[in-house]
Protein backbone atom coordinates (compact mmCIF):
# COMPACT_ATOMS: atom_id res chain seq x y z
CA UNK A 1 22.83 -3.93 -6.71
CA UNK A 2 20.52 -6.39 -4.46
CA UNK A 3 16.66 -5.72 -5.12
CA UNK A 4 14.53 -3.12 -2.94
CA UNK A 5 12.70 -3.78 -0.92
CA UNK A 6 9.07 -2.69 -1.22
CA UNK A 7 7.72 -0.22 0.70
CA UNK A 8 4.84 -1.40 2.76
CA UNK A 9 1.52 0.57 1.10
CA UNK A 10 -0.71 3.56 2.97
CA UNK A 11 -4.29 3.20 2.65
CA UNK A 12 -5.80 0.49 0.25
CA UNK A 13 -8.15 2.45 -2.69
CA UNK A 14 -10.92 0.48 -1.45
CA UNK A 15 -10.64 2.37 1.56
CA UNK A 16 -10.00 5.58 0.09
CA UNK A 17 -13.20 5.47 -1.86
CA UNK A 18 -15.42 4.70 1.23
CA UNK A 19 -13.82 7.41 3.03
CA UNK A 20 -14.15 9.99 0.54
CA UNK A 21 -17.32 8.84 -0.58
CA UNK A 22 -18.20 9.22 3.26
CA UNK A 23 -16.55 12.03 3.69
CA UNK A 24 -19.31 13.83 0.47
CA UNK A 25 -22.05 12.04 1.91
CA UNK A 26 -21.25 14.09 4.92
CA UNK A 27 -21.51 17.42 3.08
CA UNK A 28 -24.43 16.25 1.26
CA UNK A 29 -26.74 15.41 3.85
CA UNK A 30 -26.17 18.15 5.66
CA UNK A 31 -26.72 20.30 2.74
CA UNK A 32 -30.07 19.04 2.08
CA UNK A 33 -30.24 19.50 5.78
CA UNK A 34 -30.22 23.48 5.35
CA UNK A 35 -32.40 22.55 2.28
CA UNK A 36 -35.01 20.87 3.82
CA UNK A 37 -35.78 23.35 6.92
CA UNK A 38 -36.32 26.50 3.85
CA UNK A 39 -38.37 24.49 2.18
CA UNK A 40 -40.66 23.02 5.15
CA UNK A 41 -40.69 26.63 6.08
CA UNK A 42 -41.60 27.81 2.42
CA UNK A 43 -44.21 24.73 2.95
CA UNK A 44 -45.31 26.17 6.26
CA UNK A 45 -45.82 29.96 4.33
CA UNK A 46 -47.82 28.33 1.66
CA UNK A 47 -50.47 26.99 3.94
CA UNK A 48 -50.63 30.04 6.03
CA UNK A 49 -51.41 32.11 3.12
CA UNK A 50 -54.00 29.70 2.66
CA UNK A 51 -56.00 29.52 5.65
CA UNK A 52 -55.62 33.45 5.31
CA UNK A 53 -57.36 33.95 2.09
CA UNK A 54 -60.19 31.19 3.42
CA UNK A 55 -60.59 33.67 6.87
CA UNK A 56 -60.64 36.82 4.75
CA UNK A 57 -62.86 35.54 2.14
CA UNK A 58 -65.46 33.83 5.03
CA UNK A 59 -65.17 37.42 6.86
CA UNK A 60 -66.07 38.97 2.83
CA UNK A 61 -69.22 36.39 2.20
CA UNK A 62 -70.51 36.46 6.22
CA UNK A 63 -69.66 40.55 6.13
CA UNK A 64 -71.11 41.31 2.78
CA UNK A 65 -75.05 41.81 4.29
CA UNK A 66 -74.64 43.86 7.69
CA UNK A 67 -72.45 46.32 5.54
CA UNK A 68 -74.87 47.02 3.65
CA UNK A 69 -77.36 47.55 6.38
CA UNK A 70 -74.79 48.98 8.35
CA UNK A 71 -74.35 47.00 11.30
CA UNK A 72 -70.43 47.73 12.68
CA UNK A 73 -71.93 45.88 15.58
CA UNK A 74 -71.75 42.47 14.06
CA UNK A 75 -69.26 43.31 11.74
CA UNK A 76 -66.81 44.08 14.80
CA UNK A 77 -67.72 40.70 15.90
CA UNK A 78 -66.89 39.02 13.22
CA UNK A 79 -63.42 41.33 12.46
CA UNK A 80 -62.28 40.07 15.77
CA UNK A 81 -62.43 36.32 15.86
CA UNK A 82 -60.95 36.64 12.59
CA UNK A 83 -58.73 38.48 13.86
CA UNK A 84 -58.12 36.26 17.25
CA UNK A 85 -57.46 33.08 14.68
CA UNK A 86 -55.55 34.93 11.73
CA UNK A 87 -53.10 36.15 15.25
CA UNK A 88 -53.24 39.93 12.86
CA UNK A 89 -55.04 42.92 11.92
CA UNK A 90 -58.50 42.96 10.45
CA UNK A 91 -59.95 46.18 8.46
CA UNK A 92 -63.15 46.59 6.70
CA UNK A 93 -63.88 49.22 4.44
CA UNK A 94 -67.01 50.43 2.93
CA UNK A 95 -67.73 51.15 -1.22
CA UNK A 96 -65.82 54.22 -0.97
CA UNK A 97 -62.88 53.30 0.16
CA UNK A 98 -63.08 54.42 4.08
CA UNK A 99 -62.08 52.18 6.89
CA UNK A 100 -65.12 51.29 9.15
CA UNK A 101 -63.77 48.89 11.42
CA UNK A 102 -60.08 48.24 12.50
CA UNK A 103 -59.64 45.99 15.26
CA UNK A 104 -56.44 47.52 15.74
CA UNK A 105 -58.13 50.78 16.52
CA UNK A 106 -55.37 53.04 14.52
CA UNK A 107 -56.81 54.10 11.18
CA UNK A 108 -61.44 54.58 12.42
CA UNK A 109 -63.12 56.74 9.00
CA UNK A 110 -59.08 57.53 7.20
CA UNK A 111 -60.06 56.75 3.18
CA UNK A 112 -57.76 54.45 2.06
CA UNK A 113 -59.80 53.68 -1.22
CA UNK A 114 -60.45 49.89 -3.22
CA UNK A 115 -57.73 48.11 -4.06
CA UNK A 116 -58.97 44.24 -4.73
CA UNK A 117 -62.28 45.05 -6.74
CA UNK A 118 -60.74 42.73 -9.57
CA UNK A 119 -60.61 39.83 -7.22
CA UNK A 120 -58.79 38.94 -4.23
CA UNK A 121 -55.08 38.95 -4.12
CA UNK A 122 -52.16 38.67 -1.36
CA UNK A 123 -48.90 40.51 -0.85
CA UNK A 124 -46.23 41.75 1.18
CA UNK A 125 -45.34 44.77 3.21
CA UNK A 126 -43.20 45.67 5.72
CA UNK A 127 -44.42 47.45 8.52
CA UNK A 128 -42.28 49.17 11.41
CA UNK A 129 -43.14 48.32 14.41
CA UNK A 130 -44.49 44.41 13.16
CA UNK A 131 -41.89 43.79 10.88
CA UNK A 132 -42.78 42.05 7.56
CA UNK A 133 -46.71 41.92 7.51
CA UNK A 134 -48.49 39.66 4.35
CA UNK A 135 -51.62 41.80 3.58
CA UNK A 136 -54.83 39.36 1.70
CA UNK A 137 -57.57 41.95 -0.07
CA UNK A 138 -61.14 40.90 -0.91
CA UNK A 139 -63.90 42.12 -2.54
CA UNK A 140 -67.22 42.13 -0.30
CA UNK A 141 -69.86 41.35 -2.69
CA UNK A 142 -73.02 42.34 -2.08
CA UNK A 143 -76.19 41.48 -5.31
CA UNK A 144 -73.62 41.23 -7.66
CA UNK A 145 -72.17 44.46 -7.04
CA UNK A 146 -68.61 45.62 -5.08
CA UNK A 147 -70.10 46.71 -1.76
CA UNK A 148 -66.62 47.09 0.08
CA UNK A 149 -62.99 45.59 0.87
CA UNK A 150 -61.44 43.16 3.39
CA UNK A 151 -58.17 43.76 4.41
CA UNK A 152 -56.38 41.25 6.72
CA UNK A 153 -52.68 41.99 7.92
CA UNK A 154 -50.34 39.55 9.65
CA UNK A 155 -46.45 39.31 9.91
CA UNK A 156 -45.06 36.60 8.36
CA UNK A 157 -43.71 33.68 10.55
CA UNK A 158 -39.29 33.82 10.37
CA UNK A 159 -38.03 30.92 9.82
CA UNK A 160 -37.66 29.40 12.88
CA UNK A 161 -34.86 26.69 12.49
CA UNK A 162 -32.42 27.01 9.68
CA UNK A 163 -31.81 23.27 9.81
CA UNK A 164 -33.36 20.03 9.74
CA UNK A 165 -32.81 17.31 11.93
CA UNK A 166 -34.70 15.22 10.52
CA UNK A 167 -34.08 15.92 7.60
CA UNK A 168 -30.40 15.34 7.86
CA UNK A 169 -30.60 12.08 8.97
CA UNK A 170 -32.51 10.46 6.83
CA UNK A 171 -30.68 11.98 4.25
CA UNK A 172 -27.01 10.91 5.75
CA UNK A 173 -28.46 7.49 5.45
CA UNK A 174 -29.67 7.12 2.22
CA UNK A 175 -25.82 7.83 1.63
CA UNK A 176 -24.12 5.54 3.72
CA UNK A 177 -26.40 3.23 2.43
CA UNK A 178 -25.27 4.25 -1.66
CA UNK A 179 -21.02 4.62 0.14
CA UNK A 180 -21.60 0.43 2.03
CA UNK A 181 -22.84 -0.71 -1.72
CA UNK A 182 -20.07 0.92 -3.41
CA UNK A 183 -17.41 -0.14 -0.64
CA UNK A 184 -18.51 -3.66 -1.09
CA UNK A 185 -18.07 -3.28 -4.91
CA UNK A 186 -14.75 -1.75 -4.55
CA UNK A 187 -13.22 -4.13 -2.35
CA UNK A 188 -14.17 -7.16 -4.51
CA UNK A 189 -13.11 -4.99 -7.63
CA UNK A 190 -10.10 -3.79 -6.33
CA UNK A 191 -9.09 -7.82 -3.87
CA UNK A 192 -8.99 -8.93 -7.71
CA UNK A 193 -7.30 -6.27 -9.35
CA UNK A 194 -4.91 -6.24 -6.36
CA UNK A 195 -4.38 -10.16 -7.04
CA UNK A 196 -3.62 -9.83 -11.26
CA UNK A 197 -1.28 -6.72 -10.26
CA UNK A 198 0.49 -8.93 -7.32
CA UNK A 199 1.12 -11.91 -9.43
CA UNK A 200 2.52 -8.89 -12.06
CA UNK A 201 5.20 -7.81 -9.83
CA UNK A 202 6.07 -11.54 -8.53
CA UNK A 203 6.06 -12.40 -12.36
CA UNK A 204 8.78 -9.49 -12.86
CA UNK A 205 11.36 -10.14 -9.92
CA UNK A 206 11.54 -13.92 -11.37
CA UNK A 207 8.91 -15.73 -8.78
CA UNK A 208 6.16 -18.20 -8.52
CA UNK A 209 3.38 -15.60 -8.73
CA UNK A 210 0.70 -18.71 -7.99
CA UNK A 211 -3.05 -20.44 -8.94
CA UNK A 212 -5.22 -17.70 -10.27
CA UNK A 213 -8.64 -17.54 -8.43
CA UNK A 214 -10.29 -20.25 -10.11
CA UNK A 215 -14.53 -20.60 -11.05
CA UNK A 216 -17.02 -18.99 -13.07
CA UNK A 217 -17.18 -15.18 -11.48
CA UNK A 218 -17.99 -13.10 -14.59
CA UNK A 219 -15.18 -10.38 -13.03
CA UNK A 220 -11.83 -9.36 -14.35
CA UNK A 221 -12.23 -13.25 -15.60
CA UNK A 222 -10.55 -12.38 -18.98
CA UNK A 223 -7.49 -11.10 -16.79
CA UNK A 224 -7.43 -13.65 -14.70
CA UNK A 225 -7.53 -16.43 -18.14
CA UNK A 226 -4.87 -14.10 -19.58
CA UNK A 227 -2.80 -13.95 -16.29
CA UNK A 228 -2.64 -17.55 -15.80
CA UNK A 229 -1.53 -18.11 -19.42
CA UNK A 230 1.68 -15.16 -19.20
CA UNK A 231 2.03 -16.92 -15.88
CA UNK A 232 2.89 -20.27 -17.59
CA UNK A 233 5.09 -19.10 -19.98
CA UNK A 234 7.04 -16.52 -18.32
CA UNK A 235 8.11 -18.86 -15.50
CA UNK A 236 9.17 -21.51 -18.12
CA UNK A 237 11.31 -18.99 -19.96
CA UNK A 238 12.94 -17.69 -16.91
CA UNK A 239 13.30 -21.58 -15.61
CA UNK A 240 14.55 -22.59 -19.06
CA UNK A 241 16.76 -19.37 -19.34
CA UNK A 242 17.97 -19.97 -15.22
CA UNK A 243 18.60 -23.88 -15.86
CA UNK A 244 20.94 -22.59 -19.47
CA UNK A 245 22.59 -19.71 -16.72
CA UNK A 246 23.71 -22.11 -14.28
CA UNK A 247 25.44 -24.52 -16.25
CA UNK A 248 27.28 -22.98 -18.41
CA UNK A 249 28.38 -20.67 -14.77
CA UNK A 250 29.33 -23.99 -13.05
CA UNK A 251 31.02 -25.18 -16.75
CA UNK A 252 33.37 -22.03 -16.69
CA UNK A 253 33.83 -22.92 -12.99
CA UNK A 254 34.47 -26.57 -13.98
CA UNK A 255 36.62 -25.02 -16.54
CA UNK A 256 38.63 -23.64 -13.30
CA UNK A 257 39.56 -25.72 -11.82
CA UNK A 258 40.44 -28.34 -15.05
CA UNK A 259 43.44 -25.57 -15.01
CA UNK A 260 43.47 -25.49 -11.11
CA UNK A 261 43.27 -21.93 -11.42
CA UNK A 262 40.95 -22.91 -8.36
CA UNK A 263 40.75 -26.17 -5.86
CA UNK A 264 39.00 -28.79 -7.61
CA UNK A 265 36.51 -30.27 -5.75
CA UNK A 266 35.02 -27.02 -3.34
CA UNK A 267 32.46 -26.46 -4.55
CA UNK A 268 31.27 -29.82 -4.68
CA UNK A 269 32.99 -30.48 -0.82
CA UNK A 270 31.18 -27.38 0.28
CA UNK A 271 27.95 -28.33 -0.70
CA UNK A 272 27.88 -31.29 0.57
CA UNK A 273 28.60 -29.65 4.44
CA UNK A 274 26.16 -26.86 3.70
CA UNK A 275 23.59 -29.94 2.74
CA UNK A 276 24.02 -31.54 5.94
CA UNK A 277 23.72 -28.40 7.97
CA UNK A 278 20.28 -27.12 5.44
CA UNK A 279 18.86 -30.57 6.90
CA UNK A 280 19.49 -29.42 10.05
CA UNK A 281 17.58 -25.75 9.34
CA UNK A 282 14.95 -27.76 7.90
CA UNK A 283 15.40 -24.98 4.73
CA UNK A 284 12.44 -24.76 2.69
CA UNK A 285 12.66 -26.60 -0.43
CA UNK A 286 14.07 -23.91 -3.11
CA UNK A 287 16.33 -22.72 0.36
CA UNK A 288 17.91 -25.50 0.45
CA UNK A 289 18.92 -25.91 -3.86
CA UNK A 290 19.67 -21.75 -4.24
CA UNK A 291 22.62 -22.33 -0.85
CA UNK A 292 23.35 -25.69 -2.87
CA UNK A 293 23.74 -24.02 -5.89
CA UNK A 294 25.72 -21.34 -4.07
CA UNK A 295 27.93 -23.27 -2.43
CA UNK A 296 28.54 -26.01 -6.51
CA UNK A 297 29.62 -21.73 -7.51
CA UNK A 298 31.35 -20.26 -4.68
CA UNK A 299 34.36 -19.81 -6.87
CA UNK A 300 32.50 -17.96 -10.37
CA UNK A 301 33.83 -14.91 -9.32
CA UNK A 302 37.20 -15.16 -9.54
CA UNK A 303 36.92 -15.99 -13.48
CA UNK A 304 37.27 -12.52 -13.59
CA UNK A 305 40.09 -12.30 -11.91
CA UNK A 306 43.67 -12.31 -13.62
CA UNK A 307 44.73 -16.24 -13.83
CA UNK A 308 48.66 -14.60 -12.84
CA UNK A 309 47.04 -13.45 -9.85
CA UNK A 310 45.30 -16.96 -8.56
CA UNK A 311 48.66 -18.70 -9.86
CA UNK A 312 50.89 -16.01 -7.94
CA UNK A 313 52.36 -17.83 -4.52
CA UNK A 314 54.02 -14.15 -3.44
CA UNK A 315 52.19 -12.14 -1.51
CA UNK A 316 49.79 -10.28 -3.19
CA UNK A 317 49.84 -6.63 -3.36
CA UNK A 318 47.22 -4.52 -2.66
CA UNK A 319 45.70 -4.30 -5.13
CA UNK A 320 46.01 -7.71 -6.79
CA UNK A 321 44.14 -8.70 -2.84
CA UNK A 322 41.57 -6.06 -3.79
CA UNK A 323 40.82 -7.53 -7.08
CA UNK A 324 40.21 -11.21 -5.54
CA UNK A 325 38.94 -9.80 -2.27
CA UNK A 326 36.42 -8.39 -5.34
CA UNK A 327 35.26 -11.89 -7.01
CA UNK A 328 32.32 -12.41 -4.50
CA UNK A 329 30.23 -8.86 -6.12
CA UNK A 330 31.50 -9.68 -9.73
CA UNK A 331 29.80 -13.45 -9.72
CA UNK A 332 26.93 -11.57 -8.23
CA UNK A 333 26.77 -9.61 -10.40
CA UNK A 334 26.98 -11.71 -12.76
CA UNK A 335 23.66 -13.82 -11.77
CA UNK A 336 22.12 -10.82 -11.30
CA UNK A 337 20.45 -10.26 -14.68
CA UNK A 338 18.30 -13.49 -14.60
CA UNK A 339 15.38 -13.22 -11.44
CA UNK A 340 15.52 -17.15 -10.75
CA UNK A 341 18.96 -16.52 -10.00
CA UNK A 342 18.99 -13.10 -7.96
CA UNK A 343 18.52 -15.31 -4.57
CA UNK A 344 21.89 -17.51 -5.73
CA UNK A 345 23.98 -14.25 -6.53
CA UNK A 346 22.90 -12.53 -2.95
CA UNK A 347 24.67 -15.01 -1.21
CA UNK A 348 27.86 -15.41 -3.10
CA UNK A 349 28.41 -11.48 -2.93
CA UNK A 350 28.09 -12.13 1.55
CA UNK A 351 30.01 -15.16 1.22
CA UNK A 352 32.99 -12.86 2.89
CA UNK A 353 30.79 -11.06 5.34
CA UNK A 354 32.32 -12.08 9.28
CA UNK A 355 30.18 -12.02 11.68
CA UNK A 356 31.66 -9.08 14.04
CA UNK A 357 30.92 -6.65 10.61
CA UNK A 358 34.35 -6.33 9.97
CA UNK A 359 33.90 -8.55 6.26
CA UNK A 360 33.97 -7.13 2.82
CA UNK A 361 32.04 -6.23 1.11
CA UNK A 362 29.09 -3.93 3.17
CA UNK A 363 30.38 -5.14 6.06
CA UNK A 364 27.12 -6.65 7.48
CA UNK A 365 27.35 -8.15 11.10
CA UNK A 366 25.49 -11.14 12.64
CA UNK A 367 21.73 -11.86 11.62
CA UNK A 368 22.09 -8.60 8.72
CA UNK A 369 23.51 -11.55 6.92
CA UNK A 370 21.71 -13.58 4.74
CA UNK A 371 21.48 -17.07 6.31
CA UNK A 372 22.57 -18.84 2.95
CA UNK A 373 25.88 -16.93 3.24
CA UNK A 374 26.55 -17.71 6.95
CA UNK A 375 26.35 -21.49 6.19
CA UNK A 376 28.18 -20.92 3.46
CA UNK A 377 30.87 -18.92 5.35
CA UNK A 378 31.73 -21.62 8.12
CA UNK A 379 30.63 -24.72 5.66
CA UNK A 380 33.71 -23.46 2.60
CA UNK A 381 36.59 -22.42 5.70
CA UNK A 382 36.14 -26.18 6.87
CA UNK A 383 36.69 -27.16 3.56
CA UNK A 384 39.78 -24.91 2.52
CA UNK A 385 40.99 -25.55 6.08
CA UNK A 386 40.88 -29.66 5.49
CA UNK A 387 42.23 -29.71 1.46
CA UNK A 388 43.71 -26.42 0.40
CA UNK A 389 45.95 -25.51 2.58
CA UNK A 390 49.96 -26.13 2.16
CA UNK A 391 49.81 -28.09 5.46
CA UNK A 392 46.11 -29.58 5.16
CA UNK A 393 44.00 -30.46 8.33
CA UNK A 394 42.88 -33.25 9.12
CA UNK A 395 38.84 -32.51 10.69
CA UNK A 396 39.57 -31.97 14.45
CA UNK A 397 42.38 -29.60 14.18
CA UNK A 398 40.33 -27.83 11.24
CA UNK A 399 36.99 -27.28 13.52
CA UNK A 400 38.99 -25.96 16.45
CA UNK A 401 40.07 -23.38 14.01
CA UNK A 402 36.65 -22.20 13.60
CA UNK A 403 35.56 -22.28 17.54
CA UNK A 404 38.83 -20.04 17.89
CA UNK A 405 37.15 -17.69 14.78
CA UNK A 406 33.77 -18.06 16.01
CA UNK A 407 31.93 -15.03 17.13
CA UNK A 408 34.51 -12.68 14.98
CA UNK A 409 34.47 -14.28 11.33
CA UNK A 410 31.59 -16.95 11.49
CA UNK A 411 27.94 -17.60 13.49
CA UNK A 412 28.78 -19.50 16.70
CA UNK A 413 25.87 -21.12 16.41
CA UNK A 414 26.44 -22.39 13.20
CA UNK A 415 29.79 -23.42 13.91
CA UNK A 416 28.40 -25.76 16.34
CA UNK A 417 25.82 -27.57 14.02
CA UNK A 418 28.70 -27.70 11.38
CA UNK A 419 30.65 -29.38 14.57
CA UNK A 420 28.21 -31.80 15.17
CA UNK A 421 27.86 -33.20 12.15
CA UNK A 422 30.91 -33.69 11.29
CA UNK A 423 31.22 -35.34 13.75
CA UNK A 424 29.01 -37.70 13.44
CA UNK A 425 30.33 -38.72 9.67
CA UNK A 426 34.24 -37.30 9.34
CA UNK A 427 35.41 -36.38 5.74
CA UNK A 428 38.05 -38.32 4.19
CA UNK A 429 41.45 -37.16 4.32
CA UNK A 430 42.58 -35.40 0.93
CA UNK A 431 44.39 -37.86 -1.65
CA UNK A 432 47.07 -34.57 -2.53
CA UNK A 433 48.18 -31.49 -0.87
CA UNK A 434 48.49 -29.24 -3.23
CA UNK A 435 48.56 -25.06 -2.54
CA UNK A 436 46.06 -23.07 -4.33
CA UNK A 437 44.74 -20.55 -2.12
CA UNK A 438 46.96 -17.65 -3.61
CA UNK A 439 49.55 -16.04 -0.64
CA UNK A 440 49.12 -18.48 1.68
CA UNK A 441 45.64 -16.41 3.74
CA UNK A 442 42.25 -18.29 3.64
CA UNK A 443 39.52 -15.44 2.11
CA UNK A 444 37.60 -15.55 5.23
CA UNK A 445 40.12 -14.15 7.50
CA UNK A 446 39.99 -10.16 8.08
CA UNK A 447 43.16 -8.57 6.66
CA UNK A 448 46.16 -8.26 8.68
CA UNK A 449 49.12 -6.24 9.30
CA UNK A 450 52.10 -7.03 7.02
CA UNK A 451 54.38 -9.62 9.35
CA UNK A 452 51.64 -11.17 10.10
CA UNK A 453 51.34 -12.23 6.90
CA UNK A 454 54.11 -13.00 5.99
CA UNK A 455 54.19 -15.60 9.21
CA UNK A 456 51.14 -16.92 6.97
CA UNK A 457 53.38 -17.61 4.09
CA UNK A 458 54.96 -21.31 3.17
CA UNK A 459 56.92 -22.28 0.32
CA UNK A 460 55.44 -24.94 -1.41
CA UNK A 461 57.45 -25.45 -4.22
CA UNK A 462 57.83 -29.25 -2.82
CA UNK A 463 54.33 -29.96 -2.04
CA UNK A 464 52.72 -28.29 -5.61
CA UNK A 465 52.01 -30.30 -8.73
CA UNK A 466 52.51 -28.32 -12.18
CA UNK A 467 50.23 -29.17 -14.22
CA UNK A 468 50.30 -28.43 -18.38
CA UNK A 469 46.74 -28.12 -20.66
CA UNK A 470 49.64 -28.53 -23.05
CA UNK A 471 50.34 -32.22 -23.93
CA UNK A 472 53.30 -30.39 -25.73
CA UNK A 473 54.50 -27.58 -23.27
CA UNK A 474 54.52 -30.53 -20.74
CA UNK A 475 57.16 -32.75 -23.05
CA UNK A 476 58.58 -30.16 -23.41
CA UNK A 477 58.81 -29.81 -19.14
């Protein structure tokens, strides 16, 4: 199974952290805005209460001699001035607690009693007509004796602003500054962590992770050093495993060729043709190496097919034909266990796909077929037509055969590209005509009905050379 493509990632960790911190900073700034409004209101009330106490004390000091003399007129003038300054109500009581002066002209001569003989104080009261009232009580002393009392009643100013915009703005600015600093630090750290993570992912996929960050940076420096050592060891081990596995696969294909189960030299000739096309396509060195190795291993999957099927010259049964068509998948499965050979296995897996989507195993169409598999299909088909058929074609006839299948079995552009390269350097005729492909059919051809298959059958008794691996068997023959 081909490796799954990585899913696109959403927001980065730095962006998510920045958004979360920004939202948190906004909420904190709003809360501080409300708290700032309450704090300012409480401070204003404290200042106002202090001013009211100072006014009441001043009235008690100035009115003490006037109250002792009974000068009500001047006491009324002082009380009126204090009332106007405090925007409230002033009351003066004599030593018996009787109201002498009431600026509101409501309580005149009413007996209230003295409450502040021990010292001045303030209290809150609730009046139905004016709401909450703060009352300041200050004793009037003359000659060291309490001779009366001043009561200053001022309505409590309600909270005018429930939200302090200035305090909110300052808090928001300070919080955003902290968020920006955190975002910069988070981006620096997350970039280093993301680089290390990507390197690990590429190592797990068998790819080159790239050089680590150099320099004297201290952040994640140890992780960079470990990653470089890990990459060096992993790449060395993967390279050795891949080279050894590829060598065993090539030896297995060579054994098939020596036993005449597959056409000798088919992979090498296909690789030569694919190399010419790779030069024209300007493939990267790694892609070119994968393509050439896939061409040399084109018959690897046939090692897992019964030899009787590979040697059979008559019509294959449906089961036998299905087993033979499945050989690219088996080859890909064998190479998929080595990370460095997975791309080679992908090319082999799709070598029997057709440009019109009627191929196997996945029925891919057009450009969905990997480029390496399309090149392999064209180069391999040309070599089969010129070397493996019962009556091998010359290169001009083989190209005409491919031209008739362009757009259906093969990529038209690659067919034309191969024709140009072959015309520059025509291949020599084969030394010997040998029929290797079972039932006389070419693997790139689409399945046909039985009648058509019978037309393709040829009797190769006079053209096949029987070869034995056992010398004794050869002498017996």
